Amino acid sequence: MRAVVQRVSRAQFAVTGELVGQFGPGLMVLLAVGHDDTEADPTYLAEKIAGLRVFEDAQGKMNLSVQDVGGSVLAVSQFTLYGDVRRGKRPSFDAAATPGKAGQLYEFFVEQIRATGLVCETGRFQEMMQVELVNEGPVTILLDSGKTF
């Protein structure tokens, strides 16, 4: 499972032009499920993201988590994080999970984030969305449950 985590001052998302969610400050999480992922993967990432110390403390050091600052999380499913372009210019998504499995583990990830006490907004799985955000910092962290990076 892969995630791109961005510290945001605010974010919102729409489906077919209709605003369906907004929040801020907090973390925007773009999440992709791989074909070999199990429930251990979203459990690991949810715990890691909830405790990720990317917010500044009183001394200006990144030392606080989204929980510490009372922020929220927006989780958006994005299978394109498994796009492989090493052999050309058109991405291959062979490593991405099937939509059924991806939807199940995406929802499980959201449940795990909410179990930490965080508010978690969600995108709409398999829908074309328009996502707007203000990346604060900018701070962007790449996570992989297989710890490949």
C-alpha atoms as a PDB file:
ATOM      1  CA  MET A   1       0.000   0.000   0.000  1.00  0.00           C
ATOM      2  CA  ARG A   2       1.313   3.420  -0.907  1.00  0.00           C
ATOM      3  CA  ALA A   3       0.426   6.849   0.385  1.00  0.00           C
ATOM      4  CA  VAL A   4       1.324  10.415  -0.432  1.00  0.00           C
ATOM      5  CA  VAL A   5       0.737  12.494   2.697  1.00  0.00           C
ATOM      6  CA  GLN A   6       0.563  16.276   2.469  1.00  0.00           C
ATOM      7  CA  ARG A   7       0.259  18.740   5.335  1.00  0.00           C
ATOM      8  CA  VAL A   8      -2.501  21.133   4.343  1.00  0.00           C
ATOM      9  CA  SER A   9      -3.996  24.296   5.770  1.00  0.00           C
ATOM     10  CA  ARG A  10      -7.222  23.469   3.940  1.00  0.00           C
ATOM     11  CA  ALA A  11      -8.601  21.145   1.290  1.00  0.00           C
ATOM     12  CA  GLN A  12     -11.851  20.424  -0.479  1.00  0.00           C
ATOM     13  CA  PHE A  13     -13.113  18.007  -3.067  1.00  0.00           C
ATOM     14  CA  ALA A  14     -15.975  17.856  -5.507  1.00  0.00           C
ATOM     15  CA  VAL A  15     -17.607  15.161  -7.625  1.00  0.00           C
ATOM     16  CA  THR A  16     -19.104  16.334 -10.934  1.00  0.00           C
ATOM     17  CA  GLY A  17     -18.904  19.912  -9.721  1.00  0.00           C
ATOM     18  CA  GLU A  18     -20.717  19.282  -6.413  1.00  0.00           C
ATOM     19  CA  LEU A  19     -18.707  20.107  -3.281  1.00  0.00           C
ATOM     20  CA  VAL A  20     -18.812  16.932  -1.180  1.00  0.00           C
ATOM     21  CA  GLY A  21     -16.220  17.630   1.495  1.00  0.00           C
ATOM     22  CA  GLN A  22     -13.847  20.169   2.943  1.00  0.00           C
ATOM     23  CA  PHE A  23     -11.597  20.465   5.959  1.00  0.00           C
ATOM     24  CA  GLY A  24      -8.487  22.036   7.363  1.00  0.00           C
ATOM     25  CA  PRO A  25      -5.952  22.045   8.772  1.00  0.00           C
ATOM     26  CA  GLY A  26      -4.774  18.468   8.579  1.00  0.00           C
ATOM     27  CA  LEU A  27      -3.412  15.819   6.260  1.00  0.00           C
ATOM     28  CA  MET A  28      -4.367  14.959   2.704  1.00  0.00           C
ATOM     29  CA  VAL A  29      -3.715  11.260   2.110  1.00  0.00           C
ATOM     30  CA  LEU A  30      -3.665   9.901  -1.431  1.00  0.00           C
ATOM     31  CA  LEU A  31      -3.850   6.128  -0.987  1.00  0.00           C
ATOM     32  CA  ALA A  32      -3.195   3.245  -3.382  1.00  0.00           C
ATOM     33  CA  VAL A  33      -3.773  -0.439  -2.690  1.00  0.00           C
ATOM     34  CA  GLY A  34      -1.436  -3.032  -4.179  1.00  0.00           C
ATOM     35  CA  HIS A  35      -2.530  -6.501  -5.299  1.00  0.00           C
ATOM     36  CA  ASP A  36      -0.546  -8.188  -2.483  1.00  0.00           C
ATOM     37  CA  ASP A  37      -1.870  -5.973   0.323  1.00  0.00           C
ATOM     38  CA  THR A  38      -3.723  -7.365   3.344  1.00  0.00           C
ATOM     39  CA  GLU A  39      -5.391  -5.725   6.363  1.00  0.00           C
ATOM     40  CA  ALA A  40      -1.938  -5.431   7.947  1.00  0.00           C
ATOM     41  CA  ASP A  41      -1.000  -2.779   5.349  1.00  0.00           C
ATOM     42  CA  PRO A  42      -3.745  -0.207   6.066  1.00  0.00           C
ATOM     43  CA  THR A  43      -3.337  -0.874   9.788  1.00  0.00           C
ATOM     44  CA  TYR A  44       0.368  -0.021   9.563  1.00  0.00           C
ATOM     45  CA  LEU A  45      -0.194   3.098   7.435  1.00  0.00           C
ATOM     46  CA  ALA A  46      -3.061   4.424   9.573  1.00  0.00           C
ATOM     47  CA  GLU A  47      -0.948   4.152  12.720  1.00  0.00           C
ATOM     48  CA  LYS A  48       2.047   5.748  10.981  1.00  0.00           C
ATOM     49  CA  ILE A  49      -0.004   8.615   9.517  1.00  0.00           C
ATOM     50  CA  ALA A  50      -1.913   9.370  12.733  1.00  0.00           C
ATOM     51  CA  GLY A  51       1.371   9.763  14.602  1.00  0.00           C
ATOM     52  CA  LEU A  52       3.404  11.407  11.825  1.00  0.00           C
ATOM     53  CA  ARG A  53       5.110  14.436  13.363  1.00  0.00           C
ATOM     54  CA  VAL A  54       4.914  16.978  10.536  1.00  0.00           C
ATOM     55  CA  PHE A  55       3.289  19.948  12.308  1.00  0.00           C
ATOM     56  CA  GLU A  56       5.401  22.622  13.967  1.00  0.00           C
ATOM     57  CA  ASP A  57       5.637  23.051  17.715  1.00  0.00           C
ATOM     58  CA  ALA A  58       6.137  26.376  19.546  1.00  0.00           C
ATOM     59  CA  GLN A  59       9.833  26.343  18.606  1.00  0.00           C
ATOM     60  CA  GLY A  60       9.088  25.873  14.901  1.00  0.00           C
ATOM     61  CA  LYS A  61      10.222  22.235  14.782  1.00  0.00           C
ATOM     62  CA  MET A  62       8.158  19.572  13.058  1.00  0.00           C
ATOM     63  CA  ASN A  63       7.365  17.772  16.284  1.00  0.00           C
ATOM     64  CA  LEU A  64       3.549  17.481  16.432  1.00  0.00           C
ATOM     65  CA  SER A  65       1.141  15.009  14.856  1.00  0.00           C
ATOM     66  CA  VAL A  66      -2.233  15.684  13.281  1.00  0.00           C
ATOM     67  CA  GLN A  67      -3.726  14.336  16.515  1.00  0.00           C
ATOM     68  CA  ASP A  68      -1.681  16.809  18.578  1.00  0.00           C
ATOM     69  CA  VAL A  69      -2.928  19.813  16.584  1.00  0.00           C
ATOM     70  CA  GLY A  70      -6.566  18.661  16.416  1.00  0.00           C
ATOM     71  CA  GLY A  71      -6.448  18.328  12.642  1.00  0.00           C
ATOM     72  CA  SER A  72      -8.391  16.117  10.273  1.00  0.00           C
ATOM     73  CA  VAL A  73      -7.522  13.664   7.510  1.00  0.00           C
ATOM     74  CA  LEU A  74      -8.846  13.509   3.971  1.00  0.00           C
ATOM     75  CA  ALA A  75      -8.333  10.049   2.455  1.00  0.00           C
ATOM     76  CA  VAL A  76      -8.600   9.785  -1.312  1.00  0.00           C
ATOM     77  CA  SER A  77      -8.176   6.515  -3.187  1.00  0.00           C
ATOM     78  CA  GLN A  78      -5.667   6.958  -6.015  1.00  0.00           C
ATOM     79  CA  PHE A  79      -4.626   3.756  -7.779  1.00  0.00           C
ATOM     80  CA  THR A  80      -2.344   5.758 -10.083  1.00  0.00           C
ATOM     81  CA  LEU A  81       0.305   5.724  -7.326  1.00  0.00           C
ATOM     82  CA  TYR A  82       1.042   2.227  -8.646  1.00  0.00           C
ATOM     83  CA  GLY A  83       1.586   3.531 -12.177  1.00  0.00           C
ATOM     84  CA  ASP A  84       4.815   2.067 -13.552  1.00  0.00           C
ATOM     85  CA  VAL A  85       6.415   3.962 -16.428  1.00  0.00           C
ATOM     86  CA  ARG A  86       9.850   2.315 -16.407  1.00  0.00           C
ATOM     87  CA  ARG A  87       9.165   0.653 -19.799  1.00  0.00           C
ATOM     88  CA  GLY A  88       7.622   3.485 -21.737  1.00  0.00           C
ATOM     89  CA  LYS A  89       5.406   6.499 -21.373  1.00  0.00           C
ATOM     90  CA  ARG A  90       2.015   4.870 -20.797  1.00  0.00           C
ATOM     91  CA  PRO A  91       1.655   3.757 -17.161  1.00  0.00           C
ATOM     92  CA  SER A  92       1.087   0.116 -16.346  1.00  0.00           C
ATOM     93  CA  PHE A  93      -1.088  -0.527 -13.310  1.00  0.00           C
ATOM     94  CA  ASP A  94      -0.360  -4.256 -12.985  1.00  0.00           C
ATOM     95  CA  ALA A  95       0.744  -3.853  -9.346  1.00  0.00           C
ATOM     96  CA  ALA A  96      -2.511  -2.149  -8.313  1.00  0.00           C
ATOM     97  CA  ALA A  97      -5.249  -4.171  -6.617  1.00  0.00           C
ATOM     98  CA  THR A  98      -8.520  -4.963  -8.345  1.00  0.00           C
ATOM     99  CA  PRO A  99     -11.275  -2.435  -7.630  1.00  0.00           C
ATOM    100  CA  GLY A 100     -13.089  -4.831  -5.266  1.00  0.00           C
ATOM    101  CA  LYS A 101     -10.056  -5.478  -3.112  1.00  0.00           C
ATOM    102  CA  ALA A 102      -8.902  -1.858  -3.303  1.00  0.00           C
ATOM    103  CA  GLY A 103     -12.289  -0.569  -2.154  1.00  0.00           C
ATOM    104  CA  GLN A 104     -12.374  -2.959   0.768  1.00  0.00           C
ATOM    105  CA  LEU A 105      -8.874  -2.076   2.014  1.00  0.00           C
ATOM    106  CA  TYR A 106      -9.418   1.656   1.392  1.00  0.00           C
ATOM    107  CA  GLU A 107     -12.518   1.543   3.607  1.00  0.00           C
ATOM    108  CA  PHE A 108     -10.583  -0.461   6.199  1.00  0.00           C
ATOM    109  CA  PHE A 109      -7.861   2.230   6.186  1.00  0.00           C
ATOM    110  CA  VAL A 110     -10.514   4.907   6.808  1.00  0.00           C
ATOM    111  CA  GLU A 111     -11.913   2.857   9.715  1.00  0.00           C
ATOM    112  CA  GLN A 112      -8.409   2.540  11.187  1.00  0.00           C
ATOM    113  CA  ILE A 113      -7.809   6.307  10.943  1.00  0.00           C
ATOM    114  CA  ARG A 114     -11.166   6.999  12.597  1.00  0.00           C
ATOM    115  CA  ALA A 115     -10.374   4.461  15.339  1.00  0.00           C
ATOM    116  CA  THR A 116      -7.492   6.749  16.392  1.00  0.00           C
ATOM    117  CA  GLY A 117     -10.069   9.440  17.174  1.00  0.00           C
ATOM    118  CA  LEU A 118      -9.332  11.529  14.091  1.00  0.00           C
ATOM    119  CA  VAL A 119     -12.019  12.965  11.844  1.00  0.00           C
ATOM    120  CA  CYS A 120     -11.524  11.409   8.415  1.00  0.00           C
ATOM    121  CA  GLU A 121     -13.247  12.790   5.339  1.00  0.00           C
ATOM    122  CA  THR A 122     -13.268  10.581   2.261  1.00  0.00           C
ATOM    123  CA  GLY A 123     -13.355  10.963  -1.426  1.00  0.00           C
ATOM    124  CA  ARG A 124     -15.699   8.804  -3.475  1.00  0.00           C
ATOM    125  CA  PHE A 125     -14.157   5.531  -4.514  1.00  0.00           C
ATOM    126  CA  GLN A 126     -13.911   5.071  -8.317  1.00  0.00           C
ATOM    127  CA  GLU A 127     -15.356   8.523  -8.997  1.00  0.00           C
ATOM    128  CA  MET A 128     -13.723  11.323 -10.957  1.00  0.00           C
ATOM    129  CA  MET A 129     -13.014  14.014  -8.373  1.00  0.00           C
ATOM    130  CA  GLN A 130     -11.681  17.538  -8.363  1.00  0.00           C
ATOM    131  CA  VAL A 131      -9.396  17.941  -5.351  1.00  0.00           C
ATOM    132  CA  GLU A 132      -8.099  21.323  -4.206  1.00  0.00           C
ATOM    133  CA  LEU A 133      -5.627  21.818  -1.417  1.00  0.00           C
ATOM    134  CA  VAL A 134      -3.185  24.265   0.051  1.00  0.00           C
ATOM    135  CA  ASN A 135      -0.013  22.340   0.889  1.00  0.00           C
ATOM    136  CA  GLU A 136       1.391  23.997   3.995  1.00  0.00           C
ATOM    137  CA  GLY A 137       5.176  24.198   3.986  1.00  0.00           C
ATOM    138  CA  PRO A 138       5.143  22.521   1.531  1.00  0.00           C
ATOM    139  CA  VAL A 139       5.363  19.235   3.393  1.00  0.00           C
ATOM    140  CA  THR A 140       4.908  16.015   1.406  1.00  0.00           C
ATOM    141  CA  ILE A 141       5.833  12.548   2.682  1.00  0.00           C
ATOM    142  CA  LEU A 142       5.856   9.285   0.723  1.00  0.00           C
ATOM    143  CA  LEU A 143       4.930   6.101   2.614  1.00  0.00           C
ATOM    144  CA  ASP A 144       4.905   2.470   1.539  1.00  0.00           C
ATOM    145  CA  SER A 145       3.645  -0.315   3.803  1.00  0.00           C
ATOM    146  CA  GLY A 146       6.249  -2.632   2.286  1.00  0.00           C
ATOM    147  CA  LYS A 147       8.885  -0.096   3.371  1.00  0.00           C
ATOM    148  CA  THR A 148      10.402   0.016  -0.114  1.00  0.00           C
ATOM    149  CA  PHE A 149      11.042   3.748   0.345  1.00  0.00           C
END
